[in-house]
Amino acid sequence: MRVQKEEKKEHSLTIVEFCVGVKKGDLHYGINVAKTKEIVQIPQSLSEFPRSHPAIMGVAPVRGTSCLFIDLPKWMGVTAPYTTKGKAIVTTFHNAHCGFCVSSIVRTIEAPWGDVKPPDAIMSNQAEGFVTGVLETNNSIISLLDFEGIMANISSYTSTPLNNEIIVPRDRGAATVFVVEDSRFTRRQIVDLLSRAGYRVFSAGNGKEALEKLIWVANEAVSKNIDIKRYLNLIITDIELPIISGEELIPKIGEIKVLHDMPIVIFSSMTNKETAGKWLALGAAKVVPKPDTTALIERVDEMIFGATPPSS
């Protein structure tokens, strides 16, 4: 079935809720419907994918396009034998169509971004570090999974990890970049990438934490009468963020006087012509689609140094 992407209320998201276990009380998980192309029956016949991660079930066509099917419960270490009712959530990440196989689809649910809370520090299975937010409902607790991070984790099993560009050191050490990313896995990758490039970096895992840190930095600059660029030169943010979404965060940053002209680069897997235009209208300076980290570094260099960054 195709997932209906209805017009959402401002600053809300629609989640596809699913289960990976077969026992009553198993944890429920979710994915933003904006990242979901469709939900299909798990194919009965799959072509083998050689030298692959144990969670990769194989490849099968979906609407004329090759789709890689991933056993999500197996990746998580959960025993969940599939039945003919098993479903696969089809997404497109890293320029590849992927079907994440789950035990059952529960429902779709709409919720304000403010109701999505940061994940607890302790997770009981392999999903630790791959949960970006938690939503409590009357019926269940839904953990939002970091599907981009899961794909990067699986990709690194048989090949060099994603985001493995060789960074040539440049004179970037005087510039500071603030990274706002809810996925711990992706946040570590971006911070490491920028640090290896030579930038000074600090980060936050949700919109509320980001805003608090930015207000502190702004107050420090004002109270000491120091140019804000001594503290911060550019912000990179995702759009999907717990508590305060990226779409809410960007205009809030613009309301802080000394940060009004601070360049903001959006790094998101939901980037397309329509969303990019919307985010630029909110106050972002550039939009870069995940996982193109080469383009991310180029845009950061452009925004801070101009078209050609200074050589070492």
C-alpha atoms as a PDB file:
ATOM      1  CA  MET A   1       0.000   0.000   0.000  1.00  0.00           C
ATOM      2  CA  ARG A   2       1.138   3.538  -0.698  1.00  0.00           C
ATOM      3  CA  VAL A   3       1.514   5.739   2.350  1.00  0.00           C
ATOM      4  CA  GLN A   4      -0.783   8.747   2.236  1.00  0.00           C
ATOM      5  CA  LYS A   5       1.197  11.910   2.944  1.00  0.00           C
ATOM      6  CA  GLU A   6      -1.589  14.200   4.051  1.00  0.00           C
ATOM      7  CA  GLU A   7      -1.196  17.908   4.768  1.00  0.00           C
ATOM      8  CA  LYS A   8       0.079  18.116   8.319  1.00  0.00           C
ATOM      9  CA  LYS A   9      -0.561  20.735  10.948  1.00  0.00           C
ATOM     10  CA  GLU A  10       2.217  23.262  11.447  1.00  0.00           C
ATOM     11  CA  HIS A  11       5.164  21.856  13.427  1.00  0.00           C
ATOM     12  CA  SER A  12       3.754  18.330  13.542  1.00  0.00           C
ATOM     13  CA  LEU A  13       4.791  15.017  12.028  1.00  0.00           C
ATOM     14  CA  THR A  14       3.025  11.862  10.980  1.00  0.00           C
ATOM     15  CA  ILE A  15       4.581   8.598  12.131  1.00  0.00           C
ATOM     16  CA  VAL A  16       4.178   5.086  10.784  1.00  0.00           C
ATOM     17  CA  GLU A  17       4.093   2.977  13.948  1.00  0.00           C
ATOM     18  CA  PHE A  18       5.274  -0.624  13.668  1.00  0.00           C
ATOM     19  CA  CYS A  19       6.334  -3.575  15.798  1.00  0.00           C
ATOM     20  CA  VAL A  20       9.360  -5.838  15.388  1.00  0.00           C
ATOM     21  CA  GLY A  21       8.365  -8.554  17.890  1.00  0.00           C
ATOM     22  CA  VAL A  22       5.556 -11.043  18.190  1.00  0.00           C
ATOM     23  CA  LYS A  23       4.973 -10.959  21.942  1.00  0.00           C
ATOM     24  CA  LYS A  24       2.535  -8.752  23.772  1.00  0.00           C
ATOM     25  CA  GLY A  25       4.330  -5.790  25.278  1.00  0.00           C
ATOM     26  CA  ASP A  26       7.111  -5.659  22.682  1.00  0.00           C
ATOM     27  CA  LEU A  27       8.458  -2.182  22.046  1.00  0.00           C
ATOM     28  CA  HIS A  28       6.923  -0.228  19.211  1.00  0.00           C
ATOM     29  CA  TYR A  29       8.949   1.849  16.783  1.00  0.00           C
ATOM     30  CA  GLY A  30       8.255   4.545  14.253  1.00  0.00           C
ATOM     31  CA  ILE A  31       9.430   6.297  11.105  1.00  0.00           C
ATOM     32  CA  ASN A  32       8.451   9.705   9.772  1.00  0.00           C
ATOM     33  CA  VAL A  33       5.915   9.136   6.993  1.00  0.00           C
ATOM     34  CA  ALA A  34       7.806  11.731   4.919  1.00  0.00           C
ATOM     35  CA  LYS A  35      10.642   9.188   4.647  1.00  0.00           C
ATOM     36  CA  THR A  36       8.346   6.318   3.690  1.00  0.00           C
ATOM     37  CA  LYS A  37       7.682   5.634   0.012  1.00  0.00           C
ATOM     38  CA  GLU A  38       5.248   2.795   0.581  1.00  0.00           C
ATOM     39  CA  ILE A  39       4.547  -0.352   2.595  1.00  0.00           C
ATOM     40  CA  VAL A  40       4.669  -3.688   0.762  1.00  0.00           C
ATOM     41  CA  GLN A  41       4.303  -7.367   1.505  1.00  0.00           C
ATOM     42  CA  ILE A  42       7.642  -9.054   2.153  1.00  0.00           C
ATOM     43  CA  PRO A  43       8.486 -10.787  -1.155  1.00  0.00           C
ATOM     44  CA  GLN A  44       8.340 -14.565  -1.183  1.00  0.00           C
ATOM     45  CA  SER A  45      11.397 -14.718  -3.451  1.00  0.00           C
ATOM     46  CA  LEU A  46      14.542 -12.678  -2.876  1.00  0.00           C
ATOM     47  CA  SER A  47      17.791 -12.732  -4.855  1.00  0.00           C
ATOM     48  CA  GLU A  48      20.857 -13.327  -2.710  1.00  0.00           C
ATOM     49  CA  PHE A  49      23.055 -10.318  -1.976  1.00  0.00           C
ATOM     50  CA  PRO A  50      26.632 -11.714  -1.778  1.00  0.00           C
ATOM     51  CA  ARG A  51      29.067 -10.882   1.034  1.00  0.00           C
ATOM     52  CA  SER A  52      26.427  -8.872   2.807  1.00  0.00           C
ATOM     53  CA  HIS A  53      25.483  -8.002   6.369  1.00  0.00           C
ATOM     54  CA  PRO A  54      23.609 -10.874   8.099  1.00  0.00           C
ATOM     55  CA  ALA A  55      20.490  -8.693   8.331  1.00  0.00           C
ATOM     56  CA  ILE A  56      20.287  -8.265   4.545  1.00  0.00           C
ATOM     57  CA  MET A  57      17.666 -10.686   3.245  1.00  0.00           C
ATOM     58  CA  GLY A  58      18.193 -10.050  -0.465  1.00  0.00           C
ATOM     59  CA  VAL A  59      17.021  -7.987  -3.416  1.00  0.00           C
ATOM     60  CA  ALA A  60      13.653  -7.936  -5.178  1.00  0.00           C
ATOM     61  CA  PRO A  61      11.928  -5.520  -7.588  1.00  0.00           C
ATOM     62  CA  VAL A  62       9.399  -3.035  -6.231  1.00  0.00           C
ATOM     63  CA  ARG A  63       7.502  -1.179  -8.968  1.00  0.00           C
ATOM     64  CA  GLY A  64      10.284  -1.851 -11.436  1.00  0.00           C
ATOM     65  CA  THR A  65      13.125  -0.722  -9.153  1.00  0.00           C
ATOM     66  CA  SER A  66      15.570  -3.004  -7.315  1.00  0.00           C
ATOM     67  CA  CYS A  67      14.971  -2.847  -3.577  1.00  0.00           C
ATOM     68  CA  LEU A  68      17.285  -4.152  -0.856  1.00  0.00           C
ATOM     69  CA  PHE A  69      15.318  -5.892   1.914  1.00  0.00           C
ATOM     70  CA  ILE A  70      16.652  -5.703   5.472  1.00  0.00           C
ATOM     71  CA  ASP A  71      15.569  -7.892   8.380  1.00  0.00           C
ATOM     72  CA  LEU A  72      15.142  -5.134  10.960  1.00  0.00           C
ATOM     73  CA  PRO A  73      14.412  -7.457  13.925  1.00  0.00           C
ATOM     74  CA  LYS A  74      17.558  -9.474  13.119  1.00  0.00           C
ATOM     75  CA  TRP A  75      19.636  -6.289  12.993  1.00  0.00           C
ATOM     76  CA  MET A  76      18.210  -5.388  16.411  1.00  0.00           C
ATOM     77  CA  GLY A  77      18.822  -8.855  17.838  1.00  0.00           C
ATOM     78  CA  VAL A  78      15.108  -9.581  18.222  1.00  0.00           C
ATOM     79  CA  THR A  79      13.609 -12.998  17.461  1.00  0.00           C
ATOM     80  CA  ALA A  80      10.620 -12.344  15.237  1.00  0.00           C
ATOM     81  CA  PRO A  81       9.768 -15.077  12.710  1.00  0.00           C
ATOM     82  CA  TYR A  82       7.979 -13.660   9.706  1.00  0.00           C
ATOM     83  CA  THR A  83       4.583 -14.770   8.493  1.00  0.00           C
ATOM     84  CA  THR A  84       2.728 -14.065   5.277  1.00  0.00           C
ATOM     85  CA  LYS A  85       1.460 -10.935   7.028  1.00  0.00           C
ATOM     86  CA  GLY A  86       4.964  -9.515   7.437  1.00  0.00           C
ATOM     87  CA  LYS A  87       5.436  -6.068   5.925  1.00  0.00           C
ATOM     88  CA  ALA A  88       8.345  -4.027   4.603  1.00  0.00           C
ATOM     89  CA  ILE A  89       8.624  -0.249   4.919  1.00  0.00           C
ATOM     90  CA  VAL A  90      10.189   0.987   1.680  1.00  0.00           C
ATOM     91  CA  THR A  91      12.451   4.029   1.900  1.00  0.00           C
ATOM     92  CA  THR A  92      15.134   5.682  -0.212  1.00  0.00           C
ATOM     93  CA  PHE A  93      18.387   6.476   1.597  1.00  0.00           C
ATOM     94  CA  HIS A  94      21.888   6.956   0.244  1.00  0.00           C
ATOM     95  CA  ASN A  95      20.505   6.727  -3.319  1.00  0.00           C
ATOM     96  CA  ALA A  96      19.271   3.184  -2.665  1.00  0.00           C
ATOM     97  CA  HIS A  97      15.778   1.757  -2.275  1.00  0.00           C
ATOM     98  CA  CYS A  98      15.526  -0.211   0.966  1.00  0.00           C
ATOM     99  CA  GLY A  99      12.722  -2.261   2.448  1.00  0.00           C
ATOM    100  CA  PHE A 100      12.902  -2.564   6.237  1.00  0.00           C
ATOM    101  CA  CYS A 101      11.052  -5.756   7.145  1.00  0.00           C
ATOM    102  CA  VAL A 102       8.946  -5.624  10.310  1.00  0.00           C
ATOM    103  CA  SER A 103       6.497  -7.963  12.010  1.00  0.00           C
ATOM    104  CA  SER A 104       3.459  -5.725  11.740  1.00  0.00           C
ATOM    105  CA  ILE A 105       2.289  -2.218  10.935  1.00  0.00           C
ATOM    106  CA  VAL A 106       0.252  -0.803  13.798  1.00  0.00           C
ATOM    107  CA  ARG A 107      -1.068   2.530  12.513  1.00  0.00           C
ATOM    108  CA  THR A 108      -0.163   6.040  11.417  1.00  0.00           C
ATOM    109  CA  ILE A 109      -0.329   8.746  14.048  1.00  0.00           C
ATOM    110  CA  GLU A 110       0.096  12.523  13.935  1.00  0.00           C
ATOM    111  CA  ALA A 111       1.777  14.333  16.810  1.00  0.00           C
ATOM    112  CA  PRO A 112       3.318  17.756  17.499  1.00  0.00           C
ATOM    113  CA  TRP A 113       7.112  17.859  17.294  1.00  0.00           C
ATOM    114  CA  GLY A 114       7.078  19.180  20.843  1.00  0.00           C
ATOM    115  CA  ASP A 115       5.735  15.822  22.067  1.00  0.00           C
ATOM    116  CA  VAL A 116       8.786  13.980  20.715  1.00  0.00           C
ATOM    117  CA  LYS A 117      11.271  13.644  23.569  1.00  0.00           C
ATOM    118  CA  PRO A 118      14.979  12.756  23.455  1.00  0.00           C
ATOM    119  CA  PRO A 119      15.647   9.020  23.963  1.00  0.00           C
ATOM    120  CA  ASP A 120      16.585   7.637  27.346  1.00  0.00           C
ATOM    121  CA  ALA A 121      20.283   7.094  27.949  1.00  0.00           C
ATOM    122  CA  ILE A 122      19.759   3.327  28.350  1.00  0.00           C
ATOM    123  CA  MET A 123      18.390   1.197  25.518  1.00  0.00           C
ATOM    124  CA  SER A 124      18.069  -2.564  25.879  1.00  0.00           C
ATOM    125  CA  ASN A 125      19.135  -3.760  22.423  1.00  0.00           C
ATOM    126  CA  GLN A 126      21.236  -2.961  19.358  1.00  0.00           C
ATOM    127  CA  ALA A 127      19.038   0.061  18.670  1.00  0.00           C
ATOM    128  CA  GLU A 128      21.054   1.930  21.318  1.00  0.00           C
ATOM    129  CA  GLY A 129      22.384   5.013  19.599  1.00  0.00           C
ATOM    130  CA  PHE A 130      19.930   4.573  16.731  1.00  0.00           C
ATOM    131  CA  VAL A 131      16.856   6.003  18.453  1.00  0.00           C
ATOM    132  CA  THR A 132      16.383   9.694  17.713  1.00  0.00           C
ATOM    133  CA  GLY A 133      13.283  10.403  19.788  1.00  0.00           C
ATOM    134  CA  VAL A 134      10.482   8.895  21.850  1.00  0.00           C
ATOM    135  CA  LEU A 135       6.750   9.599  21.636  1.00  0.00           C
ATOM    136  CA  GLU A 136       4.352   8.506  24.390  1.00  0.00           C
ATOM    137  CA  THR A 137       0.757   7.842  23.374  1.00  0.00           C
ATOM    138  CA  ASN A 138      -2.231   6.434  25.225  1.00  0.00           C
ATOM    139  CA  ASN A 139      -1.581   3.013  23.706  1.00  0.00           C
ATOM    140  CA  SER A 140       2.197   2.700  23.458  1.00  0.00           C
ATOM    141  CA  ILE A 141       5.647   4.229  23.683  1.00  0.00           C
ATOM    142  CA  ILE A 142       7.027   4.732  20.184  1.00  0.00           C
ATOM    143  CA  SER A 143      10.786   4.936  19.620  1.00  0.00           C
ATOM    144  CA  LEU A 144      11.712   6.748  16.403  1.00  0.00           C
ATOM    145  CA  LEU A 145      14.522   4.886  14.678  1.00  0.00           C
ATOM    146  CA  ASP A 146      17.461   6.459  12.870  1.00  0.00           C
ATOM    147  CA  PHE A 147      17.078   4.615   9.562  1.00  0.00           C
ATOM    148  CA  GLU A 148      19.878   6.579   7.891  1.00  0.00           C
ATOM    149  CA  GLY A 149      22.221   5.529  10.697  1.00  0.00           C
ATOM    150  CA  ILE A 150      21.098   1.908  10.437  1.00  0.00           C
ATOM    151  CA  MET A 151      21.818   1.925   6.707  1.00  0.00           C
ATOM    152  CA  ALA A 152      25.259   3.440   7.313  1.00  0.00           C
ATOM    153  CA  ASN A 153      25.937   0.807   9.975  1.00  0.00           C
ATOM    154  CA  ILE A 154      24.959  -2.006   7.598  1.00  0.00           C
ATOM    155  CA  SER A 155      26.943  -0.454   4.744  1.00  0.00           C
ATOM    156  CA  SER A 156      30.110  -0.390   6.843  1.00  0.00           C
ATOM    157  CA  TYR A 157      29.914  -4.182   7.319  1.00  0.00           C
ATOM    158  CA  THR A 158      31.208  -5.062   3.847  1.00  0.00           C
ATOM    159  CA  SER A 159      32.611  -1.778   2.587  1.00  0.00           C
ATOM    160  CA  THR A 160      34.312   1.349   3.759  1.00  0.00           C
ATOM    161  CA  PRO A 161      31.981   3.385   5.971  1.00  0.00           C
ATOM    162  CA  LEU A 162      29.895   6.186   4.568  1.00  0.00           C
ATOM    163  CA  ASN A 163      31.300   9.677   5.060  1.00  0.00           C
ATOM    164  CA  ASN A 164      34.853   8.377   4.630  1.00  0.00           C
ATOM    165  CA  GLU A 165      36.198  11.237   2.512  1.00  0.00           C
ATOM    166  CA  ILE A 166      39.876  12.043   2.938  1.00  0.00           C
ATOM    167  CA  ILE A 167      39.908  15.575   4.271  1.00  0.00           C
ATOM    168  CA  VAL A 168      42.878  17.722   3.240  1.00  0.00           C
ATOM    169  CA  PRO A 169      43.705  19.997   6.189  1.00  0.00           C
ATOM    170  CA  ARG A 170      43.048  23.680   5.558  1.00  0.00           C
ATOM    171  CA  ASP A 171      43.298  26.804   7.668  1.00  0.00           C
ATOM    172  CA  ARG A 172      39.900  26.289   9.274  1.00  0.00           C
ATOM    173  CA  GLY A 173      41.032  26.272  12.905  1.00  0.00           C
ATOM    174  CA  ALA A 174      39.820  29.806  13.616  1.00  0.00           C
ATOM    175  CA  ALA A 175      36.227  28.977  12.643  1.00  0.00           C
ATOM    176  CA  THR A 176      33.599  27.299  14.844  1.00  0.00           C
ATOM    177  CA  VAL A 177      30.639  25.258  13.595  1.00  0.00           C
ATOM    178  CA  PHE A 178      27.614  24.250  15.685  1.00  0.00           C
ATOM    179  CA  VAL A 179      25.996  20.929  14.676  1.00  0.00           C
ATOM    180  CA  VAL A 180      22.375  20.151  15.625  1.00  0.00           C
ATOM    181  CA  GLU A 181      21.518  16.507  14.877  1.00  0.00           C
ATOM    182  CA  ASP A 182      19.248  14.127  16.791  1.00  0.00           C
ATOM    183  CA  SER A 183      20.934  10.934  15.573  1.00  0.00           C
ATOM    184  CA  ARG A 184      23.930  10.203  17.800  1.00  0.00           C
ATOM    185  CA  PHE A 185      25.434   8.062  15.049  1.00  0.00           C
ATOM    186  CA  THR A 186      25.123  10.776  12.396  1.00  0.00           C
ATOM    187  CA  ARG A 187      26.106  13.539  14.822  1.00  0.00           C
ATOM    188  CA  ARG A 188      29.363  11.751  15.641  1.00  0.00           C
ATOM    189  CA  GLN A 189      30.074  11.343  11.931  1.00  0.00           C
ATOM    190  CA  ILE A 190      29.494  15.032  11.151  1.00  0.00           C
ATOM    191  CA  VAL A 191      31.470  16.240  14.170  1.00  0.00           C
ATOM    192  CA  ASP A 192      34.350  13.909  13.280  1.00  0.00           C
ATOM    193  CA  LEU A 193      34.243  14.996   9.634  1.00  0.00           C
ATOM    194  CA  LEU A 194      34.359  18.709  10.498  1.00  0.00           C
ATOM    195  CA  SER A 195      37.018  18.193  13.167  1.00  0.00           C
ATOM    196  CA  ARG A 196      39.258  16.288  10.725  1.00  0.00           C
ATOM    197  CA  ALA A 197      38.721  19.123   8.263  1.00  0.00           C
ATOM    198  CA  GLY A 198      40.134  21.485  10.880  1.00  0.00           C
ATOM    199  CA  TYR A 199      37.041  23.219  12.234  1.00  0.00           C
ATOM    200  CA  ARG A 200      36.257  23.732  15.885  1.00  0.00           C
ATOM    201  CA  VAL A 201      32.938  22.013  16.561  1.00  0.00           C
ATOM    202  CA  PHE A 202      30.311  21.767  19.276  1.00  0.00           C
ATOM    203  CA  SER A 203      26.927  20.088  19.025  1.00  0.00           C
ATOM    204  CA  ALA A 204      23.436  19.464  20.383  1.00  0.00           C
ATOM    205  CA  GLY A 205      21.051  16.525  20.062  1.00  0.00           C
ATOM    206  CA  ASN A 206      17.674  18.296  19.982  1.00  0.00           C
ATOM    207  CA  GLY A 207      16.155  21.669  19.207  1.00  0.00           C
ATOM    208  CA  LYS A 208      15.669  22.733  22.822  1.00  0.00           C
ATOM    209  CA  GLU A 209      19.265  21.965  23.777  1.00  0.00           C
ATOM    210  CA  ALA A 210      20.462  23.781  20.644  1.00  0.00           C
ATOM    211  CA  LEU A 211      18.460  26.911  21.411  1.00  0.00           C
ATOM    212  CA  GLU A 212      19.682  26.975  25.010  1.00  0.00           C
ATOM    213  CA  LYS A 213      23.321  26.708  23.906  1.00  0.00           C
ATOM    214  CA  LEU A 214      22.879  29.399  21.265  1.00  0.00           C
ATOM    215  CA  ILE A 215      21.242  31.784  23.754  1.00  0.00           C
ATOM    216  CA  TRP A 216      24.162  31.217  26.144  1.00  0.00           C
ATOM    217  CA  VAL A 217      26.699  31.928  23.394  1.00  0.00           C
ATOM    218  CA  ALA A 218      24.798  35.049  22.315  1.00  0.00           C
ATOM    219  CA  ASN A 219      24.607  36.347  25.897  1.00  0.00           C
ATOM    220  CA  GLU A 220      28.325  35.731  26.398  1.00  0.00           C
ATOM    221  CA  ALA A 221      29.188  37.717  23.286  1.00  0.00           C
ATOM    222  CA  VAL A 222      26.913  40.610  24.252  1.00  0.00           C
ATOM    223  CA  SER A 223      27.974  40.736  27.911  1.00  0.00           C
ATOM    224  CA  LYS A 224      31.675  40.799  26.974  1.00  0.00           C
ATOM    225  CA  ASN A 225      31.147  43.067  23.947  1.00  0.00           C
ATOM    226  CA  ILE A 226      32.896  40.536  21.690  1.00  0.00           C
ATOM    227  CA  ASP A 227      32.019  39.881  18.037  1.00  0.00           C
ATOM    228  CA  ILE A 228      29.803  36.766  17.841  1.00  0.00           C
ATOM    229  CA  LYS A 229      32.111  35.404  15.125  1.00  0.00           C
ATOM    230  CA  ARG A 230      34.745  34.877  17.813  1.00  0.00           C
ATOM    231  CA  TYR A 231      32.367  32.282  19.272  1.00  0.00           C
ATOM    232  CA  LEU A 232      30.477  30.908  16.284  1.00  0.00           C
ATOM    233  CA  ASN A 233      30.626  31.122  12.485  1.00  0.00           C
ATOM    234  CA  LEU A 234      27.986  28.723  11.147  1.00  0.00           C
ATOM    235  CA  ILE A 235      25.169  26.392  12.216  1.00  0.00           C
ATOM    236  CA  ILE A 236      24.361  23.019  10.636  1.00  0.00           C
ATOM    237  CA  THR A 237      20.983  21.565  11.583  1.00  0.00           C
ATOM    238  CA  ASP A 238      18.712  18.679  10.707  1.00  0.00           C
ATOM    239  CA  ILE A 239      14.986  19.331  10.316  1.00  0.00           C
ATOM    240  CA  GLU A 240      13.761  16.317  12.269  1.00  0.00           C
ATOM    241  CA  LEU A 241      14.566  17.247  15.877  1.00  0.00           C
ATOM    242  CA  PRO A 242      12.867  16.317  19.170  1.00  0.00           C
ATOM    243  CA  ILE A 243      11.115  18.936  21.327  1.00  0.00           C
ATOM    244  CA  ILE A 244      11.770  21.856  18.942  1.00  0.00           C
ATOM    245  CA  SER A 245      11.897  20.899  15.274  1.00  0.00           C
ATOM    246  CA  GLY A 246      14.339  22.404  12.821  1.00  0.00           C
ATOM    247  CA  GLU A 247      11.508  24.348  11.189  1.00  0.00           C
ATOM    248  CA  GLU A 248      10.771  25.963  14.555  1.00  0.00           C
ATOM    249  CA  LEU A 249      14.420  26.391  15.525  1.00  0.00           C
ATOM    250  CA  ILE A 250      15.512  28.387  12.472  1.00  0.00           C
ATOM    251  CA  PRO A 251      13.168  31.373  12.995  1.00  0.00           C
ATOM    252  CA  LYS A 252      13.865  31.294  16.748  1.00  0.00           C
ATOM    253  CA  ILE A 253      17.581  31.684  15.987  1.00  0.00           C
ATOM    254  CA  GLY A 254      16.760  34.619  13.721  1.00  0.00           C
ATOM    255  CA  GLU A 255      14.980  36.351  16.614  1.00  0.00           C
ATOM    256  CA  ILE A 256      18.256  36.477  18.598  1.00  0.00           C
ATOM    257  CA  LYS A 257      19.755  39.824  17.590  1.00  0.00           C
ATOM    258  CA  VAL A 258      23.428  38.856  17.380  1.00  0.00           C
ATOM    259  CA  LEU A 259      22.555  35.600  15.577  1.00  0.00           C
ATOM    260  CA  HIS A 260      20.175  37.186  13.079  1.00  0.00           C
ATOM    261  CA  ASP A 261      22.700  36.970  10.220  1.00  0.00           C
ATOM    262  CA  MET A 262      24.339  33.706  11.330  1.00  0.00           C
ATOM    263  CA  PRO A 263      24.439  31.363   8.301  1.00  0.00           C
ATOM    264  CA  ILE A 264      22.413  28.172   8.765  1.00  0.00           C
ATOM    265  CA  VAL A 265      22.960  25.081   6.619  1.00  0.00           C
ATOM    266  CA  ILE A 266      20.245  22.412   6.662  1.00  0.00           C
ATOM    267  CA  PHE A 267      21.524  18.845   6.290  1.00  0.00           C
ATOM    268  CA  SER A 268      18.513  16.580   5.801  1.00  0.00           C
ATOM    269  CA  SER A 269      17.494  13.377   4.055  1.00  0.00           C
ATOM    270  CA  MET A 270      14.067  14.922   3.322  1.00  0.00           C
ATOM    271  CA  THR A 271      15.530  17.499   0.933  1.00  0.00           C
ATOM    272  CA  ASN A 272      13.719  18.117  -2.347  1.00  0.00           C
ATOM    273  CA  LYS A 273      12.822  21.190  -4.393  1.00  0.00           C
ATOM    274  CA  GLU A 274       9.685  21.918  -2.375  1.00  0.00           C
ATOM    275  CA  THR A 275      11.184  21.440   1.088  1.00  0.00           C
ATOM    276  CA  ALA A 276      14.368  23.315   0.195  1.00  0.00           C
ATOM    277  CA  GLY A 277      12.370  26.347  -0.886  1.00  0.00           C
ATOM    278  CA  LYS A 278      10.356  26.248   2.316  1.00  0.00           C
ATOM    279  CA  TRP A 279      13.442  26.005   4.528  1.00  0.00           C
ATOM    280  CA  LEU A 280      15.251  28.803   2.698  1.00  0.00           C
ATOM    281  CA  ALA A 281      12.179  30.981   3.246  1.00  0.00           C
ATOM    282  CA  LEU A 282      12.424  30.272   6.975  1.00  0.00           C
ATOM    283  CA  GLY A 283      15.920  31.747   7.073  1.00  0.00           C
ATOM    284  CA  ALA A 284      18.317  28.961   6.129  1.00  0.00           C
ATOM    285  CA  ALA A 285      21.220  29.980   3.875  1.00  0.00           C
ATOM    286  CA  LYS A 286      21.877  26.602   2.217  1.00  0.00           C
ATOM    287  CA  VAL A 287      20.274  23.164   2.016  1.00  0.00           C
ATOM    288  CA  VAL A 288      22.398  20.022   1.565  1.00  0.00           C
ATOM    289  CA  PRO A 289      20.843  16.557   1.112  1.00  0.00           C
ATOM    290  CA  LYS A 290      22.085  13.736   3.333  1.00  0.00           C
ATOM    291  CA  PRO A 291      24.415  11.902   3.109  1.00  0.00           C
ATOM    292  CA  ASP A 292      26.467  14.101   0.759  1.00  0.00           C
ATOM    293  CA  THR A 293      29.192  15.109   3.192  1.00  0.00           C
ATOM    294  CA  THR A 294      31.489  16.270   0.394  1.00  0.00           C
ATOM    295  CA  ALA A 295      28.868  18.870  -0.542  1.00  0.00           C
ATOM    296  CA  LEU A 296      28.404  19.687   3.149  1.00  0.00           C
ATOM    297  CA  ILE A 297      32.078  20.572   3.602  1.00  0.00           C
ATOM    298  CA  GLU A 298      32.026  22.587   0.357  1.00  0.00           C
ATOM    299  CA  ARG A 299      28.982  24.589   1.479  1.00  0.00           C
ATOM    300  CA  VAL A 300      30.477  25.198   4.934  1.00  0.00           C
ATOM    301  CA  ASP A 301      33.716  26.431   3.355  1.00  0.00           C
ATOM    302  CA  GLU A 302      31.783  28.695   0.990  1.00  0.00           C
ATOM    303  CA  MET A 303      29.707  30.215   3.774  1.00  0.00           C
ATOM    304  CA  ILE A 304      32.694  30.861   6.038  1.00  0.00           C
ATOM    305  CA  PHE A 305      35.584  31.581   3.690  1.00  0.00           C
ATOM    306  CA  GLY A 306      34.009  32.302   0.324  1.00  0.00           C
ATOM    307  CA  ALA A 307      34.160  30.176  -2.812  1.00  0.00           C
ATOM    308  CA  THR A 308      37.744  29.027  -2.255  1.00  0.00           C
ATOM    309  CA  PRO A 309      38.831  28.137   1.305  1.00  0.00           C
ATOM    310  CA  PRO A 310      42.314  29.239   2.296  1.00  0.00           C
ATOM    311  CA  SER A 311      45.026  26.614   1.794  1.00  0.00           C
ATOM    312  CA  SER A 312      47.240  25.414   4.591  1.00  0.00           C
END
